[in-house]
Amino acid sequence: MKSEWFKDWFSSKFYLDVYSHRNDLDAEKLLKLIQNNIELTENAKILDVACGNGRHSNYFAELGYNVVGFDLSNNLLKIAQKNSLESNSKINYFCADVRAIPLKSNFDLVLNLFTSFGYFYSDKENFSFINFLSNHIKKNGYFVFDYLNPSFVKNNLVKTSERLVKEITISEKRKIKNNRVEKEILISDSKNMHRFYESVQLYSFNEIITVFKNNGFNAVNTFGNYSEDKYDENVSERMVIIFKR
């Protein structure tokens, strides 16, 4: 597996098809969770880390907040910019790697959503952006960290699956290896077969809390899904942690 698998995969035209099940309802529930638990001033500045196609960025911009979003994928950013123009939302989108973020501003709220974390093969690289962003969040600002629950992944891993989306066949093989959840994705269209990979490091709740605490953050709330159920390591599907600086 290529160590920087995400560069090929997130730039693929098939990426949004594979994750079409991440629908607007999920996004809306997560955004409501954030609104229900964080008070933002009228002109708050928000940074969307690894913003993808901009669903969350556009939502907050439509509410009148000042939003900045960045992603590694130019393809996804083009979609985000198109959606922003269609909704007349003014968002500053730019292309960047989380390991080298060209930022000068400070923010009231930072978002890292839908497991946009753990892609690298060293703790230093995975945690570097948390350290960097700790210097770009205002005092009493918030960081929303939405990540998988490793225990749930290990106990409920579906090793193989196949489905049809928009006339393409998507076959996925999953395994746990070296404390990472790895996925091989085979996509067959009318002409060719395409192969992509994913690999995400599995960090425990305590590991995440410790890293954020070492960078000046305190966890003020933790949920196990987007419906705001409390986090339970044994049964929760996700780990949605709200940190305060």
Protein backbone atom coordinates (compact mmCIF):
# COMPACT_ATOMS: atom_id res chain seq x y z
CA MET A 1 0.00 0.00 0.00
CA LYS A 2 1.28 3.46 -0.89
CA SER A 3 2.03 5.46 2.25
CA GLU A 4 0.27 8.52 0.82
CA TRP A 5 -2.75 6.67 -0.54
CA PHE A 6 -4.98 9.66 0.17
CA LYS A 7 -3.45 11.73 -2.64
CA ASP A 8 -4.75 9.35 -5.31
CA TRP A 9 -7.98 8.41 -3.58
CA PHE A 10 -9.30 11.84 -2.62
CA SER A 11 -8.56 13.12 -6.13
CA SER A 12 -10.48 10.27 -7.74
CA LYS A 13 -13.75 10.94 -9.54
CA PHE A 14 -15.17 7.91 -7.70
CA TYR A 15 -14.57 9.16 -4.15
CA LEU A 16 -17.96 10.82 -3.63
CA ASP A 17 -19.73 7.81 -5.15
CA VAL A 18 -18.14 5.45 -2.63
CA TYR A 19 -19.16 7.75 0.22
CA SER A 20 -22.58 8.69 -1.12
CA HIS A 21 -24.06 7.09 2.03
CA ARG A 22 -22.64 10.02 3.98
CA ASN A 23 -25.76 11.92 3.14
CA ASP A 24 -26.93 15.40 3.92
CA LEU A 25 -28.97 14.10 6.86
CA ASP A 26 -25.79 12.95 8.63
CA ALA A 27 -24.14 16.29 7.92
CA GLU A 28 -27.17 18.20 9.19
CA LYS A 29 -27.29 16.15 12.40
CA LEU A 30 -23.61 16.78 13.06
CA LEU A 31 -23.99 20.48 12.40
CA LYS A 32 -26.99 20.65 14.76
CA LEU A 33 -24.91 18.86 17.40
CA ILE A 34 -22.25 21.55 17.05
CA GLN A 35 -24.78 24.37 17.23
CA ASN A 36 -26.52 22.85 20.25
CA ASN A 37 -23.29 22.62 22.24
CA ILE A 38 -21.21 25.61 21.18
CA GLU A 39 -22.16 29.27 21.45
CA LEU A 40 -20.63 31.34 18.67
CA THR A 41 -20.61 35.11 18.35
CA GLU A 42 -22.32 36.64 15.34
CA ASN A 43 -19.12 37.14 13.32
CA ALA A 44 -17.23 34.08 14.52
CA LYS A 45 -14.36 32.78 12.39
CA ILE A 46 -14.48 29.06 11.56
CA LEU A 47 -11.80 26.84 10.06
CA ASP A 48 -12.86 23.58 8.37
CA VAL A 49 -9.83 21.25 8.29
CA ALA A 50 -9.92 18.77 5.38
CA CYS A 51 -13.19 20.34 4.26
CA GLY A 52 -13.76 18.02 1.28
CA ASN A 53 -16.64 19.18 -0.91
CA GLY A 54 -17.59 21.86 1.60
CA ARG A 55 -20.90 20.62 2.99
CA HIS A 56 -20.15 21.84 6.50
CA SER A 57 -18.32 25.00 5.43
CA ASN A 58 -21.19 26.11 3.22
CA TYR A 59 -23.73 25.48 5.96
CA PHE A 60 -21.92 27.71 8.45
CA ALA A 61 -21.29 30.37 5.82
CA GLU A 62 -25.01 30.49 5.03
CA LEU A 63 -25.60 31.22 8.72
CA GLY A 64 -23.40 34.29 8.37
CA TYR A 65 -20.14 33.08 9.90
CA ASN A 66 -16.72 33.81 8.42
CA VAL A 67 -15.53 30.46 7.09
CA VAL A 68 -12.18 29.22 5.82
CA GLY A 69 -11.81 25.70 4.48
CA PHE A 70 -8.90 23.74 3.09
CA ASP A 71 -8.35 20.29 1.64
CA LEU A 72 -5.66 18.31 -0.15
CA SER A 73 -7.95 17.48 -3.08
CA ASN A 74 -8.36 20.09 -5.79
CA ASN A 75 -11.23 18.05 -7.22
CA LEU A 76 -13.22 18.26 -4.00
CA LEU A 77 -12.37 21.93 -3.58
CA LYS A 78 -13.76 22.71 -7.04
CA ILE A 79 -17.07 21.17 -5.98
CA ALA A 80 -16.96 23.12 -2.71
CA GLN A 81 -16.33 26.39 -4.55
CA LYS A 82 -19.12 25.68 -7.05
CA ASN A 83 -21.58 24.98 -4.24
CA SER A 84 -20.46 28.12 -2.45
CA LEU A 85 -21.11 30.26 -5.52
CA GLU A 86 -24.53 28.70 -6.05
CA SER A 87 -25.55 29.56 -2.49
CA ASN A 88 -23.91 33.01 -2.59
CA SER A 89 -21.71 32.05 0.37
CA LYS A 90 -18.36 33.76 0.70
CA ILE A 91 -15.83 31.15 1.79
CA ASN A 92 -12.07 31.24 1.51
CA TYR A 93 -11.14 27.81 0.16
CA PHE A 94 -7.55 26.78 -0.47
CA CYS A 95 -5.52 23.64 -1.14
CA ALA A 96 -3.12 22.48 1.58
CA ASP A 97 -1.71 19.47 3.41
CA VAL A 98 -2.54 19.33 7.14
CA ARG A 99 1.19 18.94 7.80
CA ALA A 100 1.91 22.36 6.31
CA ILE A 101 -1.01 24.74 6.75
CA PRO A 102 -0.39 28.33 5.53
CA LEU A 103 -2.36 30.15 8.22
CA LYS A 104 -1.98 33.54 9.85
CA SER A 105 -5.46 34.10 11.27
CA ASN A 106 -6.90 32.88 14.57
CA PHE A 107 -10.28 31.17 14.80
CA ASP A 108 -13.19 30.81 17.20
CA LEU A 109 -13.97 27.29 16.02
CA VAL A 110 -11.95 24.60 14.25
CA LEU A 111 -13.66 21.57 12.69
CA ASN A 112 -12.07 18.21 11.86
CA LEU A 113 -14.98 16.01 10.77
CA PHE A 114 -15.81 12.58 9.31
CA THR A 115 -12.51 10.89 10.34
CA SER A 116 -10.23 13.28 8.47
CA PHE A 117 -7.43 12.13 10.74
CA GLY A 118 -4.97 9.28 11.29
CA TYR A 119 -3.91 8.87 7.67
CA PHE A 120 -0.17 9.09 8.27
CA TYR A 121 2.15 6.37 9.51
CA SER A 122 3.72 8.26 12.41
CA ASP A 123 2.16 9.80 15.51
CA LYS A 124 4.21 12.93 14.94
CA GLU A 125 2.66 13.54 11.54
CA ASN A 126 -0.86 12.65 12.66
CA PHE A 127 -0.75 14.97 15.67
CA SER A 128 1.28 17.82 14.16
CA PHE A 129 -1.75 19.81 12.98
CA ILE A 130 -3.26 19.76 16.48
CA ASN A 131 -0.11 21.34 17.84
CA PHE A 132 -0.05 23.87 15.00
CA LEU A 133 -3.71 24.81 15.30
CA SER A 134 -3.47 25.24 19.07
CA ASN A 135 -1.70 28.50 18.21
CA HIS A 136 -4.47 29.57 15.85
CA ILE A 137 -7.50 29.12 18.09
CA LYS A 138 -8.59 32.07 20.16
CA LYS A 139 -8.76 31.83 23.93
CA ASN A 140 -12.02 30.06 24.85
CA GLY A 141 -12.28 28.88 21.25
CA TYR A 142 -13.45 25.38 20.32
CA PHE A 143 -12.13 22.40 18.39
CA VAL A 144 -14.65 19.76 17.22
CA PHE A 145 -12.95 16.43 16.57
CA ASP A 146 -15.09 13.77 14.86
CA TYR A 147 -13.37 10.39 14.59
CA LEU A 148 -14.19 6.69 14.46
CA ASN A 149 -14.45 4.64 17.66
CA PRO A 150 -11.64 2.03 17.42
CA SER A 151 -13.42 -0.46 19.68
CA PHE A 152 -16.54 -0.36 17.53
CA VAL A 153 -14.50 -0.76 14.34
CA LYS A 154 -12.66 -3.78 15.71
CA ASN A 155 -15.81 -5.46 17.01
CA ASN A 156 -17.98 -4.77 13.97
CA LEU A 157 -15.58 -4.98 11.05
CA VAL A 158 -17.27 -6.08 7.83
CA LYS A 159 -14.46 -7.87 6.01
CA THR A 160 -16.00 -7.77 2.54
CA SER A 161 -18.87 -5.95 0.87
CA GLU A 162 -20.12 -5.17 -2.62
CA ARG A 163 -22.68 -2.67 -3.87
CA LEU A 164 -23.85 -0.93 -7.01
CA VAL A 165 -23.78 2.88 -7.14
CA LYS A 166 -24.54 4.87 -10.30
CA GLU A 167 -23.83 1.88 -12.55
CA ILE A 168 -20.44 1.18 -10.99
CA THR A 169 -19.68 -1.84 -8.83
CA ILE A 170 -17.84 -1.08 -5.59
CA SER A 171 -16.11 -3.98 -3.83
CA GLU A 172 -14.42 -3.35 -0.48
CA LYS A 173 -12.12 -5.53 1.60
CA ARG A 174 -11.29 -4.48 5.16
CA LYS A 175 -8.84 -5.68 7.79
CA ILE A 176 -7.10 -4.57 10.96
CA LYS A 177 -3.32 -4.57 10.63
CA ASN A 178 -0.70 -2.98 12.91
CA ASN A 179 -3.46 -1.10 14.76
CA ARG A 180 -4.75 0.43 11.54
CA VAL A 181 -8.00 -0.22 9.74
CA GLU A 182 -7.14 -0.84 6.11
CA LYS A 183 -9.45 -0.97 3.12
CA GLU A 184 -8.93 -2.05 -0.46
CA ILE A 185 -11.49 -0.55 -2.83
CA LEU A 186 -12.12 -2.06 -6.25
CA ILE A 187 -14.33 -0.05 -8.60
CA SER A 188 -15.58 -1.52 -11.85
CA ASP A 189 -17.26 0.65 -14.44
CA SER A 190 -18.26 -0.22 -18.00
CA LYS A 191 -14.67 -0.05 -19.24
CA ASN A 192 -12.12 -0.63 -16.49
CA MET A 193 -11.38 -1.70 -12.94
CA HIS A 194 -9.83 0.84 -10.59
CA ARG A 195 -8.06 0.08 -7.32
CA PHE A 196 -7.70 2.41 -4.35
CA TYR A 197 -6.70 2.09 -0.70
CA GLU A 198 -7.46 3.59 2.68
CA SER A 199 -5.52 3.20 5.91
CA VAL A 200 -6.40 4.92 9.19
CA GLN A 201 -4.52 4.68 12.48
CA LEU A 202 -6.68 3.56 15.41
CA TYR A 203 -6.19 5.89 18.37
CA SER A 204 -7.99 5.29 21.65
CA PHE A 205 -10.15 7.87 23.39
CA ASN A 206 -7.48 8.34 26.08
CA GLU A 207 -4.76 8.86 23.48
CA ILE A 208 -6.79 11.57 21.76
CA ILE A 209 -7.66 13.29 25.04
CA THR A 210 -4.00 13.26 26.12
CA VAL A 211 -2.71 14.78 22.89
CA PHE A 212 -5.25 17.59 22.96
CA LYS A 213 -4.64 18.22 26.67
CA ASN A 214 -0.90 18.49 26.02
CA ASN A 215 -1.72 21.21 23.50
CA GLY A 216 -3.85 23.27 25.86
CA PHE A 217 -7.34 21.85 25.22
CA ASN A 218 -9.92 20.47 27.65
CA ALA A 219 -12.69 18.11 26.57
CA VAL A 220 -16.04 19.67 27.49
CA ASN A 221 -18.35 17.13 25.84
CA THR A 222 -18.13 13.77 24.11
CA PHE A 223 -20.78 12.06 21.99
CA GLY A 224 -20.96 8.60 20.47
CA ASN A 225 -22.92 9.56 17.35
CA TYR A 226 -24.48 12.54 15.59
CA SER A 227 -27.72 12.14 17.56
CA GLU A 228 -25.90 13.40 20.69
CA ASP A 229 -25.96 10.10 22.58
CA LYS A 230 -23.19 9.99 25.17
CA TYR A 231 -19.98 8.24 24.20
CA ASP A 232 -19.62 4.62 25.30
CA GLU A 233 -16.40 2.94 24.23
CA ASN A 234 -18.11 -0.44 23.92
CA VAL A 235 -21.07 0.49 21.73
CA SER A 236 -20.64 3.96 20.21
CA GLU A 237 -20.03 4.14 16.48
CA ARG A 238 -18.10 7.38 16.65
CA MET A 239 -16.09 9.63 18.92
CA VAL A 240 -17.25 13.24 18.63
CA ILE A 241 -15.28 15.34 21.11
CA ILE A 242 -15.74 19.04 21.73
CA PHE A 243 -12.57 20.63 23.09
CA LYS A 244 -12.17 24.12 24.50
CA ARG A 245 -8.94 26.11 24.41
